[in-house]
């Protein structure tokens, strides 16, 4: 199953992500979430940007919650704990070398 998922469906995490990326929801956005697939000019870049928009978790007040105690918060999706309250700088999940499929 792993071989099929990686070779046929191209289901891998080998995508270059931009750590400084901020989601753009303006009307002139180039985000693949804002356009139809038929409007895609560069399929490889479209895949990269789609992964960037949909598969890269960046902690925020939703996943970190806020109990009003002003202590470092922990991500409810297990992406770690922020270094100090309000920074949203969780470490993320560790990289795995073997497939879970």
N, C-alpha and C. Protein backbone atom coordinates (compact mmCIF):
# COMPACT_ATOMS: atom_id res chain seq x y z
N UNK A 1 0.82 -1.19 0.00
CA UNK A 1 0.00 0.00 0.00
C UNK A 1 0.87 1.26 0.00
N UNK A 2 1.95 1.22 0.78
CA UNK A 2 2.85 2.38 0.82
C UNK A 2 3.43 2.67 -0.55
N UNK A 3 3.86 1.62 -1.26
CA UNK A 3 4.45 1.79 -2.59
C UNK A 3 3.44 2.42 -3.54
N UNK A 4 2.21 1.96 -3.50
CA UNK A 4 1.16 2.51 -4.35
C UNK A 4 0.90 3.99 -4.01
N UNK A 5 0.82 4.29 -2.73
CA UNK A 5 0.54 5.66 -2.29
C UNK A 5 1.66 6.62 -2.70
N UNK A 6 2.90 6.18 -2.61
CA UNK A 6 4.01 7.07 -2.94
C UNK A 6 4.31 7.13 -4.43
N UNK A 7 4.23 6.00 -5.12
CA UNK A 7 4.60 6.00 -6.54
C UNK A 7 3.46 6.39 -7.47
N UNK A 8 2.25 5.96 -7.19
CA UNK A 8 1.12 6.25 -8.07
C UNK A 8 0.41 7.54 -7.67
N UNK A 9 0.12 7.69 -6.39
CA UNK A 9 -0.62 8.87 -5.93
C UNK A 9 0.29 10.03 -5.53
N UNK A 10 1.60 9.80 -5.52
CA UNK A 10 2.59 10.83 -5.15
C UNK A 10 2.31 11.40 -3.76
N UNK A 11 1.97 10.53 -2.83
CA UNK A 11 1.67 10.95 -1.46
C UNK A 11 2.94 10.93 -0.63
N UNK A 12 3.68 12.00 -0.68
CA UNK A 12 4.90 12.13 0.12
C UNK A 12 4.90 13.51 0.76
N UNK A 13 5.79 13.69 1.68
CA UNK A 13 5.92 15.00 2.33
C UNK A 13 7.12 15.76 1.78
N UNK A 14 7.59 15.35 0.60
CA UNK A 14 8.75 15.98 0.00
C UNK A 14 8.37 17.24 -0.77
N UNK A 15 7.94 18.26 -0.06
CA UNK A 15 7.51 19.51 -0.67
C UNK A 15 8.28 20.64 -0.01
N UNK A 16 8.86 21.51 -0.82
CA UNK A 16 9.57 22.67 -0.30
C UNK A 16 8.53 23.65 0.25
N UNK A 17 8.60 23.94 1.53
CA UNK A 17 7.66 24.89 2.12
C UNK A 17 8.39 26.18 2.48
N UNK A 18 7.65 27.25 2.43
CA UNK A 18 8.17 28.57 2.77
C UNK A 18 7.76 28.87 4.20
N UNK A 19 8.72 28.87 5.12
CA UNK A 19 8.43 29.06 6.54
C UNK A 19 7.85 30.45 6.84
N UNK A 20 8.06 31.41 5.95
CA UNK A 20 7.57 32.77 6.18
C UNK A 20 6.21 33.01 5.52
N UNK A 21 5.64 31.98 4.92
CA UNK A 21 4.38 32.09 4.18
C UNK A 21 3.23 32.59 5.06
N UNK A 22 2.46 33.52 4.53
CA UNK A 22 1.25 34.01 5.18
C UNK A 22 0.12 33.82 4.18
N UNK A 23 -0.98 33.21 4.60
CA UNK A 23 -2.11 32.96 3.71
C UNK A 23 -2.69 34.28 3.22
N UNK A 24 -2.84 34.38 1.90
CA UNK A 24 -3.39 35.58 1.27
C UNK A 24 -4.81 35.28 0.82
N UNK A 25 -5.79 35.99 1.37
CA UNK A 25 -7.18 35.76 1.00
C UNK A 25 -7.75 36.93 0.18
N UNK A 26 -6.88 37.78 -0.34
CA UNK A 26 -7.35 38.91 -1.14
C UNK A 26 -7.87 38.42 -2.49
N UNK A 27 -8.58 39.26 -3.19
CA UNK A 27 -9.17 38.86 -4.48
C UNK A 27 -8.12 38.60 -5.56
N UNK A 28 -6.92 39.17 -5.42
CA UNK A 28 -5.87 38.94 -6.41
C UNK A 28 -4.83 37.91 -5.92
N UNK A 29 -5.22 37.09 -4.96
CA UNK A 29 -4.35 36.07 -4.40
C UNK A 29 -3.97 35.02 -5.45
N UNK A 30 -2.74 34.49 -5.33
CA UNK A 30 -2.31 33.41 -6.22
C UNK A 30 -2.48 32.05 -5.55
N UNK A 31 -3.08 32.03 -4.38
CA UNK A 31 -3.30 30.78 -3.66
C UNK A 31 -4.15 29.83 -4.48
N UNK A 32 -3.80 28.54 -4.53
CA UNK A 32 -4.60 27.58 -5.27
C UNK A 32 -5.99 27.39 -4.66
N UNK A 33 -6.16 27.81 -3.44
CA UNK A 33 -7.47 27.71 -2.80
C UNK A 33 -8.43 28.77 -3.32
N UNK A 34 -7.91 29.76 -4.00
CA UNK A 34 -8.73 30.86 -4.48
C UNK A 34 -9.05 30.75 -5.97
N UNK A 35 -8.59 29.66 -6.63
CA UNK A 35 -8.77 29.51 -8.07
C UNK A 35 -9.19 28.09 -8.42
N UNK A 36 -9.74 27.93 -9.60
CA UNK A 36 -10.09 26.61 -10.11
C UNK A 36 -8.85 25.94 -10.68
N UNK A 37 -8.86 24.61 -10.67
CA UNK A 37 -7.72 23.86 -11.21
C UNK A 37 -7.50 24.19 -12.68
N UNK A 38 -8.56 24.45 -13.40
CA UNK A 38 -8.44 24.77 -14.84
C UNK A 38 -7.70 26.09 -15.07
N UNK A 39 -7.57 26.92 -14.04
CA UNK A 39 -6.86 28.20 -14.14
C UNK A 39 -5.37 28.05 -13.79
N UNK A 40 -4.96 26.84 -13.47
CA UNK A 40 -3.58 26.58 -13.06
C UNK A 40 -2.64 26.69 -14.27
N UNK A 41 -1.55 27.45 -14.10
CA UNK A 41 -0.56 27.62 -15.16
C UNK A 41 0.64 26.72 -14.97
N UNK A 42 0.99 26.45 -13.73
CA UNK A 42 2.16 25.65 -13.42
C UNK A 42 1.74 24.59 -12.41
N UNK A 43 1.55 23.37 -12.88
CA UNK A 43 1.01 22.31 -12.02
C UNK A 43 1.92 22.00 -10.83
N UNK A 44 3.23 21.96 -11.04
CA UNK A 44 4.16 21.66 -9.96
C UNK A 44 4.10 22.72 -8.86
N UNK A 45 4.07 23.98 -9.26
CA UNK A 45 3.97 25.07 -8.29
C UNK A 45 2.61 25.06 -7.61
N UNK A 46 1.57 24.70 -8.34
CA UNK A 46 0.23 24.62 -7.77
C UNK A 46 0.19 23.56 -6.67
N UNK A 47 0.82 22.41 -6.91
CA UNK A 47 0.88 21.34 -5.90
C UNK A 47 1.62 21.83 -4.67
N UNK A 48 2.77 22.48 -4.88
CA UNK A 48 3.55 22.98 -3.75
C UNK A 48 2.75 23.97 -2.92
N UNK A 49 2.09 24.90 -3.61
CA UNK A 49 1.32 25.92 -2.89
C UNK A 49 0.10 25.32 -2.19
N UNK A 50 -0.52 24.30 -2.80
CA UNK A 50 -1.65 23.65 -2.17
C UNK A 50 -1.21 22.94 -0.89
N UNK A 51 -0.07 22.27 -0.94
CA UNK A 51 0.47 21.64 0.26
C UNK A 51 0.78 22.69 1.32
N UNK A 52 1.34 23.81 0.89
CA UNK A 52 1.67 24.89 1.80
C UNK A 52 0.40 25.40 2.51
N UNK A 53 -0.67 25.59 1.76
CA UNK A 53 -1.90 26.15 2.31
C UNK A 53 -2.66 25.15 3.17
N UNK A 54 -2.63 23.87 2.80
CA UNK A 54 -3.51 22.89 3.45
C UNK A 54 -2.82 21.93 4.41
N UNK A 55 -1.54 21.70 4.24
CA UNK A 55 -0.91 20.64 5.01
C UNK A 55 0.15 21.13 5.99
N UNK A 56 0.40 22.40 6.05
CA UNK A 56 1.40 22.93 6.97
C UNK A 56 0.67 23.61 8.12
N UNK A 57 0.83 23.07 9.31
CA UNK A 57 0.14 23.61 10.48
C UNK A 57 0.99 24.68 11.14
N UNK A 58 0.41 25.84 11.35
CA UNK A 58 1.07 26.88 12.13
C UNK A 58 0.15 27.20 13.30
N UNK A 59 0.67 27.05 14.49
CA UNK A 59 -0.16 27.25 15.67
C UNK A 59 -0.67 28.68 15.77
N UNK A 60 -1.87 28.80 16.29
CA UNK A 60 -2.50 30.10 16.49
C UNK A 60 -3.37 30.02 17.74
N UNK A 61 -4.15 31.05 18.01
CA UNK A 61 -4.96 31.06 19.22
C UNK A 61 -6.03 29.97 19.23
N UNK A 62 -6.46 29.49 18.05
CA UNK A 62 -7.45 28.43 18.01
C UNK A 62 -6.89 27.13 18.59
N UNK A 63 -5.76 26.68 18.08
CA UNK A 63 -5.24 25.38 18.53
C UNK A 63 -4.53 25.48 19.89
N UNK A 64 -4.05 26.66 20.22
CA UNK A 64 -3.38 26.82 21.51
C UNK A 64 -4.36 27.14 22.64
N UNK A 65 -5.52 27.67 22.27
CA UNK A 65 -6.51 28.01 23.30
C UNK A 65 -6.03 29.17 24.16
N UNK A 66 -6.84 29.54 25.09
CA UNK A 66 -6.47 30.64 25.99
C UNK A 66 -7.24 30.48 27.29
N UNK A 67 -6.53 30.13 28.34
CA UNK A 67 -7.20 29.95 29.63
C UNK A 67 -7.07 31.19 30.51
N UNK A 68 -6.43 32.25 29.98
CA UNK A 68 -6.32 33.51 30.71
C UNK A 68 -5.24 33.53 31.77
N UNK A 69 -4.40 32.50 31.83
CA UNK A 69 -3.37 32.44 32.88
C UNK A 69 -2.03 33.01 32.43
N UNK A 70 -1.92 33.41 31.17
CA UNK A 70 -0.69 34.00 30.62
C UNK A 70 0.54 33.11 30.80
N UNK A 71 0.34 31.79 30.69
CA UNK A 71 1.44 30.83 30.73
C UNK A 71 1.58 30.24 29.34
N UNK A 72 2.78 29.73 28.98
CA UNK A 72 2.94 29.09 27.67
C UNK A 72 1.86 28.02 27.45
N UNK A 73 1.28 28.03 26.25
CA UNK A 73 0.17 27.13 25.93
C UNK A 73 0.66 25.96 25.09
N UNK A 74 -0.08 24.87 25.12
CA UNK A 74 0.26 23.68 24.36
C UNK A 74 -0.77 23.45 23.25
N UNK A 75 -0.29 23.11 22.06
CA UNK A 75 -1.15 22.90 20.90
C UNK A 75 -2.05 21.67 21.11
N UNK A 76 -3.34 21.82 20.84
CA UNK A 76 -4.27 20.70 21.01
C UNK A 76 -4.08 19.62 19.95
N UNK A 77 -3.29 19.90 18.91
CA UNK A 77 -3.02 18.92 17.86
C UNK A 77 -1.61 18.32 18.00
N UNK A 78 -1.02 18.47 19.17
CA UNK A 78 0.28 17.88 19.51
C UNK A 78 1.45 18.44 18.71
N UNK A 79 1.46 19.74 18.42
CA UNK A 79 2.59 20.36 17.73
C UNK A 79 3.55 21.03 18.70
N UNK A 80 3.35 20.82 19.98
CA UNK A 80 4.29 21.32 20.96
C UNK A 80 3.74 22.44 21.83
N UNK A 81 4.66 23.06 22.56
CA UNK A 81 4.33 24.12 23.51
C UNK A 81 5.11 25.37 23.12
N UNK A 82 4.45 26.52 23.20
CA UNK A 82 5.13 27.77 22.85
C UNK A 82 6.17 28.12 23.91
N UNK A 83 7.21 28.85 23.52
CA UNK A 83 8.29 29.19 24.45
C UNK A 83 7.84 30.19 25.51
N UNK A 84 6.99 31.12 25.12
CA UNK A 84 6.39 32.03 26.09
C UNK A 84 5.00 32.43 25.60
N UNK A 85 4.16 32.80 26.52
CA UNK A 85 2.76 33.09 26.20
C UNK A 85 2.62 34.10 25.05
N UNK A 86 1.81 33.73 24.07
CA UNK A 86 1.51 34.63 22.97
C UNK A 86 2.44 34.54 21.76
N UNK A 87 3.53 33.79 21.85
CA UNK A 87 4.48 33.72 20.73
C UNK A 87 4.03 32.78 19.62
N UNK A 88 3.24 31.76 19.93
CA UNK A 88 2.78 30.77 18.93
C UNK A 88 3.95 30.13 18.20
N UNK A 89 5.06 29.90 18.88
CA UNK A 89 6.28 29.37 18.25
C UNK A 89 6.54 27.91 18.63
N UNK A 90 5.54 27.08 18.47
CA UNK A 90 5.67 25.67 18.81
C UNK A 90 6.69 24.99 17.92
N UNK A 91 7.28 23.93 18.42
CA UNK A 91 8.35 23.23 17.70
C UNK A 91 7.85 22.39 16.54
N UNK A 92 6.62 21.98 16.56
CA UNK A 92 6.09 21.11 15.51
C UNK A 92 6.31 19.65 15.84
N UNK A 93 5.86 18.79 14.96
CA UNK A 93 6.01 17.36 15.17
C UNK A 93 7.37 16.91 14.62
N UNK A 94 7.93 15.88 15.23
CA UNK A 94 9.23 15.39 14.74
C UNK A 94 9.07 14.73 13.37
N UNK A 95 10.09 14.83 12.54
CA UNK A 95 10.06 14.20 11.22
C UNK A 95 10.24 12.71 11.36
N UNK A 96 9.47 11.97 10.59
CA UNK A 96 9.58 10.51 10.63
C UNK A 96 10.21 10.02 9.34
N UNK A 97 11.02 9.00 9.43
CA UNK A 97 11.72 8.46 8.26
C UNK A 97 10.94 7.36 7.57
N UNK A 98 10.07 6.68 8.30
CA UNK A 98 9.32 5.58 7.70
C UNK A 98 7.84 5.95 7.62
N UNK A 99 7.19 5.40 6.63
CA UNK A 99 5.78 5.68 6.38
C UNK A 99 4.90 5.07 7.45
N UNK A 100 3.80 5.73 7.75
CA UNK A 100 2.82 5.18 8.69
C UNK A 100 1.72 4.43 7.97
N UNK A 101 1.79 4.37 6.64
CA UNK A 101 0.75 3.67 5.86
C UNK A 101 0.98 2.18 5.97
